[in-house]
C-alpha cells in the first residue's frame, strides 16, 4: 500500500482584485522532510503558507494532510484542527509568560504530561534551566528556540515556518539553523519553510520549490535546482552569473571562447550562454603566450582587467573582453588583485554553462 504524503497541496490559487498572487501551486512533503519554498519578496510564498495553515482562504485548490482534506470542495478546517505548527519571523512570544508557559501554551491534558513535554523540548533546543525566565531576558537566538519549542509542543504533523531566521544576527544564524534542523528532523514533522535566501534553502532543504510571480517554476533537490536551472532567472537567483549573448546558426553559436553547440534553437535565434563566475578560469600558464585552440575547455579568450575586489574568501575580477567588449566576472579563491589594464587569458568550464533563449 502506497502511503500518502504527510502534506499535499494541489493547484492552490489565491486572487486579489482579480490578480492571481498564487496560481496553481502544487507540492508534497513527506514526514521528516524539509521543503523550502524559495523566491523573491512578493512572489506569493507567505500567502501560500497562510493558506496551508488555514489563516487565509484559497480561491481554489486542495490541502491534504495524511490523506485527509483539510481544505477543498466542501471542507475548510480551522487552523487548530489541521495539525499544523506555525513559526514566524517575529517569534510572537507572550512577554508576560515564562519560557515554560510559552512552550506549554498550546498543550492540553494532564499537567504532569505537559510538564514532561515542556522539559523534553527545552532540552532539545538547549534551553534546560531557562523555564522560569521571561522572553525579555533572552537573546534573539534563545527566543527563536523558545518559539520553535512552542510550535513543536503539540506534536504537529506539519510544521510551517515563515522566514524564521531573518531577524537573527548573521554570526549566529548558521548555528541556529543547524540546531533547528536537527530538532525538526528528530520530531519527524513535514516541514515547509519559506525563505528568500538561496543559501538558507541550500543549507536546510531536502527539496527546493522555486517560486516566481505566484507559481512554482522549478522543484527538486538543491543540487539539481542549482546545477540544472530551468531558465536564466533561476540560475541568477542562486548566484551571480555571466551572460554571453550570441546567435545560433546551424546549431552553433560563436562566442569569445569559440563555437558553442546550441541544438534546439532555430537559425537566427538569439541565445544566452550563462556561466557562473567561479567557472570562468584565469589561464595563468598562458599569460602572454596567446591562445591554444586545442585546449580541453575550448579556445581561450583575452580580457582586460577593469577592476578587482577582495571579498575575504575570494576575489572578484571584472574583464572587458577583446572579442566584443562585453564584461565578464571571474571569482578566484583567496587574494588576487591584478591592476586595471592588465591583459589575461580566460577559459570557461563548458560543462558548467547553460544555454537559454535570449531574454530582453
Protein backbone atom coordinates (compact mmCIF):
# COMPACT_ATOMS: atom_id res chain seq x y z
CA UNK A 1 0.00 0.00 0.00
CA UNK A 2 1.39 3.39 -1.04
CA UNK A 3 1.42 5.83 1.86
CA UNK A 4 0.12 9.35 1.19
CA UNK A 5 2.49 12.30 1.66
CA UNK A 6 2.25 13.97 5.04
CA UNK A 7 1.37 17.27 3.27
CA UNK A 8 -0.08 17.51 -0.22
CA UNK A 9 -1.08 20.76 -1.93
CA UNK A 10 -2.99 20.64 -5.22
CA UNK A 11 -3.47 23.64 -7.54
CA UNK A 12 -3.74 26.17 -4.70
CA UNK A 13 -4.81 29.58 -6.01
CA UNK A 14 -5.43 32.98 -4.42
CA UNK A 15 -6.58 36.13 -6.18
CA UNK A 16 -6.62 39.74 -5.02
CA UNK A 17 -8.53 42.29 -7.10
CA UNK A 18 -8.73 39.80 -9.93
CA UNK A 19 -4.98 39.16 -9.99
CA UNK A 20 -3.62 35.72 -9.07
CA UNK A 21 -0.92 36.21 -6.42
CA UNK A 22 -0.71 32.42 -6.07
CA UNK A 23 -1.55 30.39 -9.16
CA UNK A 24 -1.95 26.60 -9.28
CA UNK A 25 0.71 25.82 -6.68
CA UNK A 26 1.16 22.08 -6.13
CA UNK A 27 3.70 20.32 -3.91
CA UNK A 28 4.05 17.44 -1.48
CA UNK A 29 6.16 16.98 1.65
CA UNK A 30 6.87 13.67 3.34
CA UNK A 31 7.14 13.16 7.10
CA UNK A 32 10.63 14.14 8.24
CA UNK A 33 11.30 16.07 5.01
CA UNK A 34 12.19 19.75 4.80
CA UNK A 35 10.96 21.58 1.71
CA UNK A 36 11.93 25.22 1.18
CA UNK A 37 9.55 27.48 -0.69
CA UNK A 38 12.12 29.87 -2.14
CA UNK A 39 11.67 33.06 -4.09
CA UNK A 40 11.92 36.86 -4.11
CA UNK A 41 9.76 39.07 -1.92
CA UNK A 42 6.22 39.39 -3.22
CA UNK A 43 6.19 36.15 -5.22
CA UNK A 44 3.41 34.53 -3.12
CA UNK A 45 5.43 32.37 -0.70
CA UNK A 46 3.88 33.63 2.54
CA UNK A 47 0.38 33.68 1.07
CA UNK A 48 0.83 30.01 0.14
CA UNK A 49 1.94 29.21 3.69
CA UNK A 50 -1.01 31.06 5.23
CA UNK A 51 -3.45 29.18 3.01
CA UNK A 52 -1.97 25.83 4.05
CA UNK A 53 -2.19 26.90 7.69
CA UNK A 54 -5.83 27.89 7.31
CA UNK A 55 -5.42 31.56 8.26
CA UNK A 56 -6.21 32.64 4.70
CA UNK A 57 -8.83 31.06 2.46
CA UNK A 58 -7.78 29.95 -1.04
CA UNK A 59 -9.96 30.66 -4.06
CA UNK A 60 -9.30 27.18 -5.43
CA UNK A 61 -7.29 24.04 -4.80
CA UNK A 62 -6.89 21.44 -2.08
CA UNK A 63 -4.78 20.99 1.06
CA UNK A 64 -4.44 17.39 2.25
CA UNK A 65 -2.71 16.22 5.44
CA UNK A 66 -2.08 12.49 5.91
CA UNK A 67 -4.53 11.70 3.13
CA UNK A 68 -7.38 13.75 4.64
CA UNK A 69 -8.52 17.01 3.03
CA UNK A 70 -8.37 20.00 5.38
CA UNK A 71 -9.33 22.38 2.58
CA UNK A 72 -11.13 21.65 -0.67
CA UNK A 73 -14.62 21.34 -2.09
CA UNK A 74 -16.99 21.34 0.87
CA UNK A 75 -14.28 21.41 3.56
CA UNK A 76 -12.33 24.16 5.31
CA UNK A 77 -10.97 23.13 8.70
CA UNK A 78 -9.81 25.90 11.06
CA UNK A 79 -6.07 26.16 11.81
CA UNK A 80 -6.35 24.48 15.21
CA UNK A 81 -7.96 21.40 13.65
CA UNK A 82 -5.34 20.88 10.92
CA UNK A 83 -2.45 19.53 12.99
CA UNK A 84 -0.03 22.23 11.85
CA UNK A 85 2.60 24.17 13.78
CA UNK A 86 3.33 27.78 12.87
CA UNK A 87 6.53 29.74 13.34
CA UNK A 88 7.04 33.28 12.11
CA UNK A 89 9.98 35.67 11.92
CA UNK A 90 8.83 37.81 14.86
CA UNK A 91 8.56 34.73 17.19
CA UNK A 92 5.35 36.20 18.77
CA UNK A 93 6.21 35.05 22.30
CA UNK A 94 3.94 36.13 25.14
CA UNK A 95 6.02 38.65 27.14
CA UNK A 96 4.12 38.12 30.40
CA UNK A 97 4.59 34.33 30.39
CA UNK A 98 7.68 32.40 31.41
CA UNK A 99 9.58 30.32 28.88
CA UNK A 100 7.97 27.15 30.22
CA UNK A 101 4.46 28.60 30.00
CA UNK A 102 5.15 29.89 26.49
CA UNK A 103 6.23 26.43 25.37
CA UNK A 104 3.25 24.77 27.03
CA UNK A 105 0.67 27.32 25.88
CA UNK A 106 -0.93 25.06 23.26
CA UNK A 107 -0.79 21.86 25.30
CA UNK A 108 -3.89 20.30 26.80
CA UNK A 109 -4.50 17.43 29.21
CA UNK A 110 -2.64 16.03 32.19
CA UNK A 111 -0.37 18.56 33.92
CA UNK A 112 2.39 16.05 34.57
CA UNK A 113 2.50 15.02 30.90
CA UNK A 114 2.55 18.67 29.87
CA UNK A 115 5.50 19.42 32.16
CA UNK A 116 7.34 16.37 30.83
CA UNK A 117 6.83 17.53 27.22
CA UNK A 118 7.99 21.06 28.07
CA UNK A 119 11.14 19.76 29.76
CA UNK A 120 11.82 17.41 26.82
CA UNK A 121 11.59 20.24 24.29
CA UNK A 122 13.65 22.70 26.30
CA UNK A 123 16.38 20.08 26.48
CA UNK A 124 16.17 19.52 22.71
CA UNK A 125 16.63 23.23 21.99
CA UNK A 126 19.42 23.52 24.59
CA UNK A 127 17.41 25.69 26.99
CA UNK A 128 17.21 23.40 30.01
CA UNK A 129 17.12 25.60 33.12
CA UNK A 130 15.53 28.54 31.24
CA UNK A 131 11.93 27.63 32.07
CA UNK A 132 11.46 30.32 34.73
CA UNK A 133 12.88 33.15 32.60
CA UNK A 134 10.78 35.62 30.60
CA UNK A 135 11.28 36.43 26.90
CA UNK A 136 12.87 39.84 27.57
CA UNK A 137 15.67 38.08 29.47
CA UNK A 138 16.66 36.05 26.41
CA UNK A 139 18.79 36.77 23.36
CA UNK A 140 17.27 36.71 19.90
CA UNK A 141 18.62 33.24 19.26
CA UNK A 142 17.21 31.95 22.55
CA UNK A 143 13.80 33.47 21.76
CA UNK A 144 13.87 31.76 18.38
CA UNK A 145 14.47 28.40 20.07
CA UNK A 146 11.60 29.00 22.51
CA UNK A 147 9.32 29.77 19.57
CA UNK A 148 10.43 26.53 17.91
CA UNK A 149 9.76 24.52 21.06
CA UNK A 150 6.30 26.10 21.43
CA UNK A 151 5.39 25.31 17.82
CA UNK A 152 6.52 21.69 18.23
CA UNK A 153 4.92 21.13 21.64
CA UNK A 154 1.57 19.74 20.38
CA UNK A 155 3.45 17.36 18.03
CA UNK A 156 2.16 18.88 14.77
CA UNK A 157 2.13 16.67 11.71
CA UNK A 158 3.12 19.64 9.55
CA UNK A 159 5.47 22.48 10.55
CA UNK A 160 5.10 25.76 8.65
CA UNK A 161 7.91 28.31 9.04
CA UNK A 162 7.87 31.80 7.52
CA UNK A 163 11.34 33.40 7.36
CA UNK A 164 12.06 32.20 10.94
CA UNK A 165 15.75 33.20 10.94
CA UNK A 166 15.59 36.59 9.23
CA UNK A 167 15.73 38.59 12.46
CA UNK A 168 18.86 36.89 13.78
CA UNK A 169 22.40 38.19 13.73
CA UNK A 170 24.36 36.80 10.77
CA UNK A 171 27.05 35.41 13.09
CA UNK A 172 24.52 33.26 14.95
CA UNK A 173 22.25 32.31 12.07
CA UNK A 174 24.11 29.30 10.68
CA UNK A 175 24.46 27.57 14.02
CA UNK A 176 20.82 28.15 14.93
CA UNK A 177 19.67 26.89 11.51
CA UNK A 178 21.66 23.69 12.02
CA UNK A 179 20.35 23.06 15.52
CA UNK A 180 16.79 23.83 14.42
CA UNK A 181 17.12 21.39 11.55
CA UNK A 182 18.31 18.67 13.93
CA UNK A 183 15.27 19.18 16.18
CA UNK A 184 12.83 19.24 13.25
CA UNK A 185 14.25 16.02 11.81
CA UNK A 186 14.07 14.32 15.21
CA UNK A 187 10.42 15.34 15.68
CA UNK A 188 9.52 13.89 12.27
CA UNK A 189 7.10 16.57 11.11
CA UNK A 190 6.80 17.51 7.44
CA UNK A 191 8.41 20.96 7.26
CA UNK A 192 7.59 23.69 4.76
CA UNK A 193 9.94 26.63 5.23
CA UNK A 194 9.54 29.96 3.41
CA UNK A 195 12.70 31.92 2.65
CA UNK A 196 14.05 34.41 0.12
CA UNK A 197 17.66 33.40 0.82
CA UNK A 198 19.12 30.77 -1.55
CA UNK A 199 21.92 29.93 0.91
CA UNK A 200 19.36 29.11 3.60
CA UNK A 201 17.38 26.89 1.24
CA UNK A 202 20.53 25.07 0.08
CA UNK A 203 21.63 24.57 3.67
CA UNK A 204 18.35 23.29 5.09
CA UNK A 205 16.23 21.75 2.36
CA UNK A 206 15.77 18.20 1.19
CA UNK A 207 13.81 19.75 -1.67
CA UNK A 208 13.50 23.30 -3.02
CA UNK A 209 10.41 24.71 -4.71
CA UNK A 210 11.50 27.85 -6.56
CA UNK A 211 8.65 30.33 -6.82
CA UNK A 212 8.21 33.33 -9.12
CA UNK A 213 5.17 35.52 -9.81
CA UNK A 214 2.86 33.25 -7.86
CA UNK A 215 3.94 29.99 -9.50
CA UNK A 216 6.44 27.24 -8.77
CA UNK A 217 8.84 27.36 -11.72
CA UNK A 218 11.20 24.58 -10.63
CA UNK A 219 11.19 21.91 -7.95
CA UNK A 220 13.76 19.34 -6.90
CA UNK A 221 16.77 18.51 -4.74
CA UNK A 222 19.06 21.50 -4.05
CA UNK A 223 21.86 20.00 -6.17
CA UNK A 224 19.57 19.63 -9.18
CA UNK A 225 17.91 23.04 -8.88
CA UNK A 226 21.32 24.72 -8.63
CA UNK A 227 23.10 22.74 -11.34
CA UNK A 228 20.24 22.40 -13.82
CA UNK A 229 18.33 25.71 -13.64
CA UNK A 230 15.18 25.88 -15.71
CA UNK A 231 15.99 29.34 -17.10
CA UNK A 232 18.37 32.28 -16.76
CA UNK A 233 16.36 33.85 -13.93
CA UNK A 234 16.56 30.63 -11.93
CA UNK A 235 20.34 30.48 -12.40
CA UNK A 236 20.70 34.14 -11.39
CA UNK A 237 18.61 33.68 -8.24
CA UNK A 238 21.21 31.37 -6.72
CA UNK A 239 24.37 33.29 -7.65
CA UNK A 240 25.90 35.98 -9.80
CA UNK A 241 26.08 34.97 -13.44
CA UNK A 242 27.88 35.96 -16.62
CA UNK A 243 25.79 36.10 -19.78
CA UNK A 244 27.36 35.69 -23.22
CA UNK A 245 24.83 36.59 -25.89
CA UNK A 246 25.09 35.18 -29.38
CA UNK A 247 23.10 34.00 -32.40
CA UNK A 248 22.53 30.33 -33.13
CA UNK A 249 23.38 29.32 -36.70
CA UNK A 250 23.40 25.71 -37.72
CA UNK A 251 23.14 24.67 -34.03
CA UNK A 252 26.36 26.61 -33.27
CA UNK A 253 26.88 29.96 -31.57
CA UNK A 254 30.11 31.93 -31.82
CA UNK A 255 31.47 33.32 -28.54
CA UNK A 256 34.77 34.74 -27.28
CA UNK A 257 35.61 31.15 -26.31
CA UNK A 258 34.90 29.58 -29.68
CA UNK A 259 31.77 27.96 -31.06
CA UNK A 260 29.17 26.51 -28.67
CA UNK A 261 26.73 23.78 -29.53
CA UNK A 262 23.24 25.23 -29.27
CA UNK A 263 20.92 22.50 -30.59
CA UNK A 264 17.21 23.08 -30.40
CA UNK A 265 17.50 26.80 -31.17
CA UNK A 266 16.41 27.88 -34.65
CA UNK A 267 18.77 29.61 -37.07
CA UNK A 268 18.98 33.31 -36.30
CA UNK A 269 17.65 32.94 -32.76
CA UNK A 270 19.43 34.93 -30.05
CA UNK A 271 20.67 32.78 -27.19
CA UNK A 272 22.12 33.48 -23.74
CA UNK A 273 25.04 31.30 -22.64
CA UNK A 274 25.18 31.53 -18.85
CA UNK A 275 28.20 30.74 -16.68
CA UNK A 276 28.83 31.47 -13.01
CA UNK A 277 31.94 33.50 -12.03
CA UNK A 278 33.57 30.51 -10.28
CA UNK A 279 33.59 28.60 -13.58
CA UNK A 280 35.37 31.35 -15.51
CA UNK A 281 39.04 30.46 -15.13
CA UNK A 282 42.12 32.65 -15.49
CA UNK A 283 44.77 30.81 -17.51
CA UNK A 284 47.91 31.82 -15.62
CA UNK A 285 50.08 29.35 -17.56
CA UNK A 286 49.23 31.02 -20.86
CA UNK A 287 49.80 34.63 -19.80
CA UNK A 288 51.41 36.43 -22.71
CA UNK A 289 51.65 33.30 -24.94
CA UNK A 290 48.38 33.56 -26.81
CA UNK A 291 45.50 31.13 -27.30
CA UNK A 292 45.68 27.37 -27.69
CA UNK A 293 42.70 26.19 -29.74
CA UNK A 294 43.22 22.55 -28.70
CA UNK A 295 42.64 23.26 -25.01
CA UNK A 296 40.13 20.89 -23.42
CA UNK A 297 37.74 23.67 -22.44
CA UNK A 298 37.79 25.36 -25.85
CA UNK A 299 39.52 28.46 -27.15
CA UNK A 300 40.94 30.82 -24.54
CA UNK A 301 39.87 34.46 -24.85
CA UNK A 302 41.72 37.60 -23.83
CA UNK A 303 40.23 40.12 -21.44
CA UNK A 304 41.48 43.36 -19.93
CA UNK A 305 41.05 43.87 -16.18
CA UNK A 306 38.58 46.63 -15.31
CA UNK A 307 38.66 46.25 -11.54
CA UNK A 308 39.36 43.69 -8.83
CA UNK A 309 37.84 43.37 -5.36
CA UNK A 310 38.82 41.18 -2.43
CA UNK A 311 35.82 39.76 -0.54
CA UNK A 312 37.54 37.68 2.13
CA UNK A 313 37.33 34.11 0.86
CA UNK A 314 37.61 35.10 -2.79
CA UNK A 315 38.47 37.88 -5.20
CA UNK A 316 36.19 39.11 -7.98
CA UNK A 317 37.88 40.32 -11.14
CA UNK A 318 35.98 42.07 -13.94
CA UNK A 319 37.24 41.83 -17.52
CA UNK A 320 36.35 43.62 -20.73
CA UNK A 321 36.63 41.01 -23.48
CA UNK A 322 38.59 41.79 -26.64
CA UNK A 323 36.13 39.76 -28.72
CA UNK A 324 33.09 42.00 -28.32
CA UNK A 325 33.70 44.46 -25.47
CA UNK A 326 31.40 42.57 -23.10
CA UNK A 327 32.11 42.46 -19.34
CA UNK A 328 32.67 39.12 -17.64
CA UNK A 329 33.44 38.47 -13.96
CA UNK A 330 35.67 35.72 -12.59
CA UNK A 331 35.94 34.65 -8.97
CA UNK A 332 39.34 33.50 -7.73
CA UNK A 333 39.91 31.81 -4.37
CA UNK A 334 42.00 33.87 -1.96
CA UNK A 335 43.72 37.15 -2.82
CA UNK A 336 44.14 38.04 -6.48
CA UNK A 337 44.11 41.75 -7.31
CA UNK A 338 45.57 42.44 -10.76
CA UNK A 339 45.85 46.10 -11.73
CA UNK A 340 43.30 47.65 -14.12
CA UNK A 341 44.57 47.42 -17.68
CA UNK A 342 46.31 44.08 -17.22
CA UNK A 343 45.53 41.62 -20.02
CA UNK A 344 44.89 37.97 -19.14
CA UNK A 345 43.64 34.88 -20.95
CA UNK A 346 40.41 33.30 -19.73
CA UNK A 347 38.94 29.83 -20.04
CA UNK A 348 35.44 28.56 -19.26
CA UNK A 349 34.08 25.28 -17.96
CA UNK A 350 31.88 24.28 -20.87
CA UNK A 351 30.23 21.56 -18.79
CA UNK A 352 29.13 24.28 -16.38
CA UNK A 353 27.48 26.52 -18.99
CA UNK A 354 23.73 26.77 -19.54
CA UNK A 355 22.12 27.79 -22.83
CA UNK A 356 18.73 29.52 -22.84
CA UNK A 357 16.69 31.55 -25.32
CA UNK A 358 17.77 35.18 -25.00
CA UNK A 359 15.66 37.36 -22.72
CA UNK A 360 15.38 41.11 -23.15
